């Protein structure tokens, strides 16, 4: 089949995210204890995660035969190699199962390794963020831009911590401790996709995190880039989808944030 045009791709993507969001809202604050499991010490999964991913994967394969799908719960991949979708059916599961509204559906598609379109839909918040490569980013249909000209000392940042922080030497605690006294404030909302969407909308000035999956990052990274921001890994490169280590901010703040993170890493290695 011919490659979908960005507008058509985004239209389907928004529809799928909103339909998955309705499914999640039908389960929000109604889950039974037997419908919640632990994948790890702190890593929850619910029946709603699985139902949402089954729906999304099935619809993507129906609408775009031959496209591969990489989902958080069921893995996947496949396809003809040109198109790969990144699907997080419920980003913020811990929030969701505790009745906290900071959760979302995150969907993105990449063509030959380059992100083409992405949607972050937060149904309990009434927000849908969407972006297509070369076409800008929007929040509920209105154009959005990253914050401009904010120095690190005045920056309102967000971050998160890996579920396996007990097992990782580099678990973000040293980075957080280094940056907390050097910035205005740091928040931790529990959904990397929403964090990145909020950077794109200029709500947060910047975001960094480690230990994420590609499905957590893909849509939000495209939102930030299309809203005029810079997205890299912690080394300043473009391998964030592979490494799960991401820094996102407006250009001038990104440079200062990246430098501070490097200072924190150096200090941790030196035992300071």
Foldseek 3Di string as FASTA:
>chain_A
DDDDDLVVVQVVVLVLFVVLLVLLVVCFPPFDPVQWDAPDPQRIDGPSQVVQVVSSVVVCCVVPPQAWEQEDPPGTGGGPQFKYKQWRSKQQVVCRVVNHQPIWTKMWMGGNRHTAKIWTGRPSVRWIWIDGVPPFIDIVRHGAAADPDAAAAAFEEEEEFDPVLVPDLPTCPLLCVLSQNRYPHYYYRRQLLVRLLCRLRHNGQKYWYFDDALSSPRRSQRSLVRNQKDKAFLVRHNCCNPGVTIIIHHDVRSVVSSVSSVVSVVCVVVVD
